[in-house]
Structures are given as structure tokens and as C-alpha cells.
PDB file of N, CA and C in Angstrom:
ATOM      1  N   UNK A   1     -30.588 -42.877 -35.020  1.00  0.00           N
ATOM      2  CA  UNK A   1     -30.034 -42.361 -33.796  1.00  0.00           C
ATOM      3  C   UNK A   1     -28.675 -43.023 -33.599  1.00  0.00           C
ATOM      4  N   UNK A   2     -27.702 -42.252 -33.182  1.00  0.00           N
ATOM      5  CA  UNK A   2     -26.380 -42.779 -32.905  1.00  0.00           C
ATOM      6  C   UNK A   2     -26.147 -42.775 -31.405  1.00  0.00           C
ATOM      7  N   UNK A   3     -25.632 -43.869 -30.904  1.00  0.00           N
ATOM      8  CA  UNK A   3     -25.388 -44.022 -29.477  1.00  0.00           C
ATOM      9  C   UNK A   3     -23.891 -44.275 -29.292  1.00  0.00           C
ATOM     10  N   UNK A   4     -23.268 -43.541 -28.389  1.00  0.00           N
ATOM     11  CA  UNK A   4     -21.864 -43.776 -28.087  1.00  0.00           C
ATOM     12  C   UNK A   4     -21.768 -44.412 -26.715  1.00  0.00           C
ATOM     13  N   UNK A   5     -21.521 -45.686 -26.705  1.00  0.00           N
ATOM     14  CA  UNK A   5     -21.382 -46.447 -25.463  1.00  0.00           C
ATOM     15  C   UNK A   5     -19.894 -46.539 -25.149  1.00  0.00           C
ATOM     16  N   UNK A   6     -19.474 -46.253 -23.910  1.00  0.00           N
ATOM     17  CA  UNK A   6     -18.038 -46.297 -23.602  1.00  0.00           C
ATOM     18  C   UNK A   6     -17.391 -47.660 -23.857  1.00  0.00           C
ATOM     19  N   UNK A   7     -18.156 -48.741 -23.709  1.00  0.00           N
ATOM     20  CA  UNK A   7     -17.612 -50.083 -23.931  1.00  0.00           C
ATOM     21  C   UNK A   7     -17.591 -50.463 -25.411  1.00  0.00           C
ATOM     22  N   UNK A   8     -18.532 -49.936 -26.185  1.00  0.00           N
ATOM     23  CA  UNK A   8     -18.681 -50.345 -27.576  1.00  0.00           C
ATOM     24  C   UNK A   8     -18.110 -49.368 -28.585  1.00  0.00           C
ATOM     25  N   UNK A   9     -18.098 -48.100 -28.275  1.00  0.00           N
ATOM     26  CA  UNK A   9     -17.764 -47.089 -29.269  1.00  0.00           C
ATOM     27  C   UNK A   9     -19.040 -46.612 -29.927  1.00  0.00           C
ATOM     28  N   UNK A  10     -18.960 -46.246 -31.200  1.00  0.00           N
ATOM     29  CA  UNK A  10     -20.123 -45.699 -31.891  1.00  0.00           C
ATOM     30  C   UNK A  10     -21.050 -46.809 -32.370  1.00  0.00           C
ATOM     31  N   UNK A  11     -22.348 -46.649 -32.053  1.00  0.00           N
ATOM     32  CA  UNK A  11     -23.366 -47.634 -32.414  1.00  0.00           C
ATOM     33  C   UNK A  11     -24.550 -46.895 -33.030  1.00  0.00           C
ATOM     34  N   UNK A  12     -25.056 -47.397 -34.150  1.00  0.00           N
ATOM     35  CA  UNK A  12     -26.261 -46.852 -34.763  1.00  0.00           C
ATOM     36  C   UNK A  12     -27.437 -47.676 -34.258  1.00  0.00           C
ATOM     37  N   UNK A  13     -28.465 -46.993 -33.738  1.00  0.00           N
ATOM     38  CA  UNK A  13     -29.653 -47.662 -33.213  1.00  0.00           C
ATOM     39  C   UNK A  13     -30.852 -47.221 -34.040  1.00  0.00           C
ATOM     40  N   UNK A  14     -31.608 -48.200 -34.567  1.00  0.00           N
ATOM     41  CA  UNK A  14     -32.772 -47.903 -35.388  1.00  0.00           C
ATOM     42  C   UNK A  14     -33.991 -48.604 -34.791  1.00  0.00           C
ATOM     43  N   UNK A  15     -35.062 -47.852 -34.605  1.00  0.00           N
ATOM     44  CA  UNK A  15     -36.318 -48.397 -34.081  1.00  0.00           C
ATOM     45  C   UNK A  15     -37.354 -48.394 -35.199  1.00  0.00           C
ATOM     46  N   UNK A  16     -38.036 -49.532 -35.376  1.00  0.00           N
ATOM     47  CA  UNK A  16     -39.089 -49.657 -36.376  1.00  0.00           C
ATOM     48  C   UNK A  16     -40.332 -50.211 -35.700  1.00  0.00           C
ATOM     49  N   UNK A  17     -41.442 -49.472 -35.790  1.00  0.00           N
ATOM     50  CA  UNK A  17     -42.684 -49.912 -35.152  1.00  0.00           C
ATOM     51  C   UNK A  17     -43.541 -50.670 -36.147  1.00  0.00           C
ATOM     52  N   UNK A  18     -44.113 -51.780 -35.672  1.00  0.00           N
ATOM     53  CA  UNK A  18     -45.033 -52.581 -36.456  1.00  0.00           C
ATOM     54  C   UNK A  18     -46.206 -52.938 -35.552  1.00  0.00           C
ATOM     55  N   UNK A  19     -47.228 -52.111 -35.552  1.00  0.00           N
ATOM     56  CA  UNK A  19     -48.383 -52.334 -34.676  1.00  0.00           C
ATOM     57  C   UNK A  19     -47.963 -52.195 -33.227  1.00  0.00           C
ATOM     58  N   UNK A  20     -48.273 -53.192 -32.400  1.00  0.00           N
ATOM     59  CA  UNK A  20     -47.935 -53.104 -30.980  1.00  0.00           C
ATOM     60  C   UNK A  20     -46.489 -53.503 -30.672  1.00  0.00           C
ATOM     61  N   UNK A  21     -45.731 -53.844 -31.713  1.00  0.00           N
ATOM     62  CA  UNK A  21     -44.356 -54.300 -31.518  1.00  0.00           C
ATOM     63  C   UNK A  21     -43.355 -53.284 -32.031  1.00  0.00           C
ATOM     64  N   UNK A  22     -42.148 -53.366 -31.490  1.00  0.00           N
ATOM     65  CA  UNK A  22     -41.060 -52.489 -31.888  1.00  0.00           C
ATOM     66  C   UNK A  22     -39.839 -53.349 -32.158  1.00  0.00           C
ATOM     67  N   UNK A  23     -39.161 -53.069 -33.274  1.00  0.00           N
ATOM     68  CA  UNK A  23     -37.924 -53.767 -33.605  1.00  0.00           C
ATOM     69  C   UNK A  23     -36.786 -52.777 -33.438  1.00  0.00           C
ATOM     70  N   UNK A  24     -35.779 -53.163 -32.668  1.00  0.00           N
ATOM     71  CA  UNK A  24     -34.624 -52.310 -32.431  1.00  0.00           C
ATOM     72  C   UNK A  24     -33.407 -52.998 -33.042  1.00  0.00           C
ATOM     73  N   UNK A  25     -32.773 -52.313 -33.994  1.00  0.00           N
ATOM     74  CA  UNK A  25     -31.541 -52.816 -34.605  1.00  0.00           C
ATOM     75  C   UNK A  25     -30.385 -51.976 -34.083  1.00  0.00           C
ATOM     76  N   UNK A  26     -29.302 -52.630 -33.690  1.00  0.00           N
ATOM     77  CA  UNK A  26     -28.096 -51.950 -33.228  1.00  0.00           C
ATOM     78  C   UNK A  26     -26.935 -52.410 -34.103  1.00  0.00           C
ATOM     79  N   UNK A  27     -26.245 -51.436 -34.726  1.00  0.00           N
ATOM     80  CA  UNK A  27     -25.147 -51.731 -35.639  1.00  0.00           C
ATOM     81  C   UNK A  27     -23.873 -51.098 -35.100  1.00  0.00           C
ATOM     82  N   UNK A  28     -22.836 -51.919 -34.932  1.00  0.00           N
ATOM     83  CA  UNK A  28     -21.542 -51.428 -34.474  1.00  0.00           C
ATOM     84  C   UNK A  28     -20.827 -50.831 -35.681  1.00  0.00           C
ATOM     85  N   UNK A  29     -20.535 -49.535 -35.627  1.00  0.00           N
ATOM     86  CA  UNK A  29     -19.994 -48.821 -36.783  1.00  0.00           C
ATOM     87  C   UNK A  29     -18.636 -49.362 -37.217  1.00  0.00           C
ATOM     88  N   UNK A  30     -17.764 -49.631 -36.284  1.00  0.00           N
ATOM     89  CA  UNK A  30     -16.401 -50.055 -36.624  1.00  0.00           C
ATOM     90  C   UNK A  30     -16.342 -51.421 -37.301  1.00  0.00           C
ATOM     91  N   UNK A  31     -17.228 -52.342 -36.929  1.00  0.00           N
ATOM     92  CA  UNK A  31     -17.164 -53.702 -37.462  1.00  0.00           C
ATOM     93  C   UNK A  31     -18.314 -54.064 -38.393  1.00  0.00           C
ATOM     94  N   UNK A  32     -19.428 -53.337 -38.327  1.00  0.00           N
ATOM     95  CA  UNK A  32     -20.589 -53.660 -39.141  1.00  0.00           C
ATOM     96  C   UNK A  32     -21.451 -54.769 -38.563  1.00  0.00           C
ATOM     97  N   UNK A  33     -21.165 -55.217 -37.349  1.00  0.00           N
ATOM     98  CA  UNK A  33     -21.963 -56.268 -36.710  1.00  0.00           C
ATOM     99  C   UNK A  33     -23.319 -55.687 -36.341  1.00  0.00           C
ATOM    100  N   UNK A  34     -24.395 -56.418 -36.677  1.00  0.00           N
ATOM    101  CA  UNK A  34     -25.756 -55.956 -36.415  1.00  0.00           C
ATOM    102  C   UNK A  34     -26.526 -57.006 -35.616  1.00  0.00           C
ATOM    103  N   UNK A  35     -27.281 -56.539 -34.642  1.00  0.00           N
ATOM    104  CA  UNK A  35     -28.181 -57.403 -33.886  1.00  0.00           C
ATOM    105  C   UNK A  35     -29.541 -56.719 -33.828  1.00  0.00           C
ATOM    106  N   UNK A  36     -30.593 -57.517 -33.582  1.00  0.00           N
ATOM    107  CA  UNK A  36     -31.929 -56.962 -33.443  1.00  0.00           C
ATOM    108  C   UNK A  36     -32.604 -57.536 -32.207  1.00  0.00           C
ATOM    109  N   UNK A  37     -33.555 -56.775 -31.702  1.00  0.00           N
ATOM    110  CA  UNK A  37     -34.384 -57.216 -30.588  1.00  0.00           C
ATOM    111  C   UNK A  37     -35.805 -56.752 -30.878  1.00  0.00           C
ATOM    112  N   UNK A  38     -36.783 -57.584 -30.553  1.00  0.00           N
ATOM    113  CA  UNK A  38     -38.184 -57.265 -30.787  1.00  0.00           C
ATOM    114  C   UNK A  38     -38.926 -57.350 -29.470  1.00  0.00           C
ATOM    115  N   UNK A  39     -39.778 -56.351 -29.218  1.00  0.00           N
ATOM    116  CA  UNK A  39     -40.534 -56.324 -27.976  1.00  0.00           C
ATOM    117  C   UNK A  39     -41.705 -55.369 -28.073  1.00  0.00           C
ATOM    118  N   UNK A  40     -42.340 -55.087 -26.939  1.00  0.00           N
ATOM    119  CA  UNK A  40     -43.515 -54.205 -26.944  1.00  0.00           C
ATOM    120  C   UNK A  40     -43.123 -52.756 -27.257  1.00  0.00           C
ATOM    121  N   UNK A  41     -43.976 -52.077 -28.011  1.00  0.00           N
ATOM    122  CA  UNK A  41     -43.702 -50.695 -28.408  1.00  0.00           C
ATOM    123  C   UNK A  41     -43.725 -49.746 -27.219  1.00  0.00           C
ATOM    124  N   UNK A  42     -44.303 -50.154 -26.111  1.00  0.00           N
ATOM    125  CA  UNK A  42     -44.395 -49.291 -24.924  1.00  0.00           C
ATOM    126  C   UNK A  42     -43.071 -49.188 -24.171  1.00  0.00           C
ATOM    127  N   UNK A  43     -42.087 -50.015 -24.509  1.00  0.00           N
ATOM    128  CA  UNK A  43     -40.805 -50.046 -23.783  1.00  0.00           C
ATOM    129  C   UNK A  43     -39.608 -49.829 -24.702  1.00  0.00           C
ATOM    130  N   UNK A  44     -39.494 -48.684 -25.366  1.00  0.00           N
ATOM    131  CA  UNK A  44     -38.380 -48.496 -26.307  1.00  0.00           C
ATOM    132  C   UNK A  44     -37.004 -48.453 -25.636  1.00  0.00           C
ATOM    133  N   UNK A  45     -36.891 -47.859 -24.458  1.00  0.00           N
ATOM    134  CA  UNK A  45     -35.579 -47.774 -23.781  1.00  0.00           C
ATOM    135  C   UNK A  45     -35.119 -49.151 -23.301  1.00  0.00           C
ATOM    136  N   UNK A  46     -36.033 -49.936 -22.792  1.00  0.00           N
ATOM    137  CA  UNK A  46     -35.683 -51.290 -22.368  1.00  0.00           C
ATOM    138  C   UNK A  46     -35.251 -52.146 -23.544  1.00  0.00           C
ATOM    139  N   UNK A  47     -35.931 -51.987 -24.662  1.00  0.00           N
ATOM    140  CA  UNK A  47     -35.586 -52.733 -25.865  1.00  0.00           C
ATOM    141  C   UNK A  47     -34.216 -52.314 -26.392  1.00  0.00           C
ATOM    142  N   UNK A  48     -33.901 -51.026 -26.286  1.00  0.00           N
ATOM    143  CA  UNK A  48     -32.579 -50.550 -26.696  1.00  0.00           C
ATOM    144  C   UNK A  48     -31.487 -51.136 -25.801  1.00  0.00           C
ATOM    145  N   UNK A  49     -31.743 -51.213 -24.504  1.00  0.00           N
ATOM    146  CA  UNK A  49     -30.764 -51.821 -23.585  1.00  0.00           C
ATOM    147  C   UNK A  49     -30.523 -53.284 -23.938  1.00  0.00           C
ATOM    148  N   UNK A  50     -31.582 -54.000 -24.291  1.00  0.00           N
ATOM    149  CA  UNK A  50     -31.456 -55.409 -24.675  1.00  0.00           C
ATOM    150  C   UNK A  50     -30.624 -55.529 -25.957  1.00  0.00           C
ATOM    151  N   UNK A  51     -30.896 -54.680 -26.941  1.00  0.00           N
ATOM    152  CA  UNK A  51     -30.159 -54.730 -28.204  1.00  0.00           C
ATOM    153  C   UNK A  51     -28.672 -54.426 -27.982  1.00  0.00           C
ATOM    154  N   UNK A  52     -28.367 -53.445 -27.125  1.00  0.00           N
ATOM    155  CA  UNK A  52     -26.965 -53.127 -26.853  1.00  0.00           C
ATOM    156  C   UNK A  52     -26.268 -54.259 -26.113  1.00  0.00           C
ATOM    157  N   UNK A  53     -26.984 -54.926 -25.210  1.00  0.00           N
ATOM    158  CA  UNK A  53     -26.404 -56.073 -24.508  1.00  0.00           C
ATOM    159  C   UNK A  53     -26.134 -57.218 -25.484  1.00  0.00           C
ATOM    160  N   UNK A  54     -27.073 -57.443 -26.410  1.00  0.00           N
ATOM    161  CA  UNK A  54     -26.856 -58.477 -27.430  1.00  0.00           C
ATOM    162  C   UNK A  54     -25.665 -58.143 -28.313  1.00  0.00           C
ATOM    163  N   UNK A  55     -25.506 -56.851 -28.632  1.00  0.00           N
ATOM    164  CA  UNK A  55     -24.380 -56.428 -29.464  1.00  0.00           C
ATOM    165  C   UNK A  55     -23.059 -56.661 -28.737  1.00  0.00           C
ATOM    166  N   UNK A  56     -22.998 -56.326 -27.461  1.00  0.00           N
ATOM    167  CA  UNK A  56     -21.778 -56.583 -26.685  1.00  0.00           C
ATOM    168  C   UNK A  56     -21.430 -58.065 -26.691  1.00  0.00           C
ATOM    169  N   UNK A  57     -22.442 -58.906 -26.495  1.00  0.00           N
ATOM    170  CA  UNK A  57     -22.228 -60.353 -26.468  1.00  0.00           C
ATOM    171  C   UNK A  57     -21.770 -60.856 -27.844  1.00  0.00           C
ATOM    172  N   UNK A  58     -22.347 -60.306 -28.922  1.00  0.00           N
ATOM    173  CA  UNK A  58     -21.960 -60.717 -30.273  1.00  0.00           C
ATOM    174  C   UNK A  58     -20.522 -60.311 -30.580  1.00  0.00           C
ATOM    175  N   UNK A  59     -20.116 -59.145 -30.113  1.00  0.00           N
ATOM    176  CA  UNK A  59     -18.742 -58.697 -30.355  1.00  0.00           C
ATOM    177  C   UNK A  59     -17.732 -59.507 -29.558  1.00  0.00           C
ATOM    178  N   UNK A  60     -18.118 -59.940 -28.363  1.00  0.00           N
ATOM    179  CA  UNK A  60     -17.201 -60.753 -27.537  1.00  0.00           C
ATOM    180  C   UNK A  60     -17.011 -62.151 -28.139  1.00  0.00           C
ATOM    181  N   UNK A  61     -18.009 -62.652 -28.843  1.00  0.00           N
ATOM    182  CA  UNK A  61     -17.911 -64.013 -29.388  1.00  0.00           C
ATOM    183  C   UNK A  61     -17.172 -64.043 -30.725  1.00  0.00           C
ATOM    184  N   UNK A  62     -16.781 -62.898 -31.250  1.00  0.00           N
ATOM    185  CA  UNK A  62     -16.059 -62.848 -32.533  1.00  0.00           C
ATOM    186  C   UNK A  62     -14.622 -63.233 -32.369  1.00  0.00           C
TER     187      UNK A  62
END
């Protein structure tokens, strides 16, 4: 899934389920910076918000 955030630009978001857990990877297309977040599989949108927030923070620290 591709997400276009006005602050970040184009971001690829990948969700991988492992039992009751979900791993969300967010990759910034322009720079290749990747972050992941792991949480309950019942909250995919919340986990995506966390991954995007982590990505913003990672890009600011570069």
C-alpha cells in the first residue's frame, strides 16, 4: 500500500500479520529510510499512525 502524507511525500506501508500481532513497515520512497512498529492485529490503523510518526521522527533526526 502506498500512502501520500503531505508532510512526508510518498511512503510505502507494508503490514505483516504473525498470529495476534501485526508488523507495520513504513518506507520513505525518496530516501529509503525504513521504520517498523509492532502491535495488536486488531488495530491496524493505529499501528500505521505510529509507524508514520516514527518515520517523521527518523527523517527529522537525519
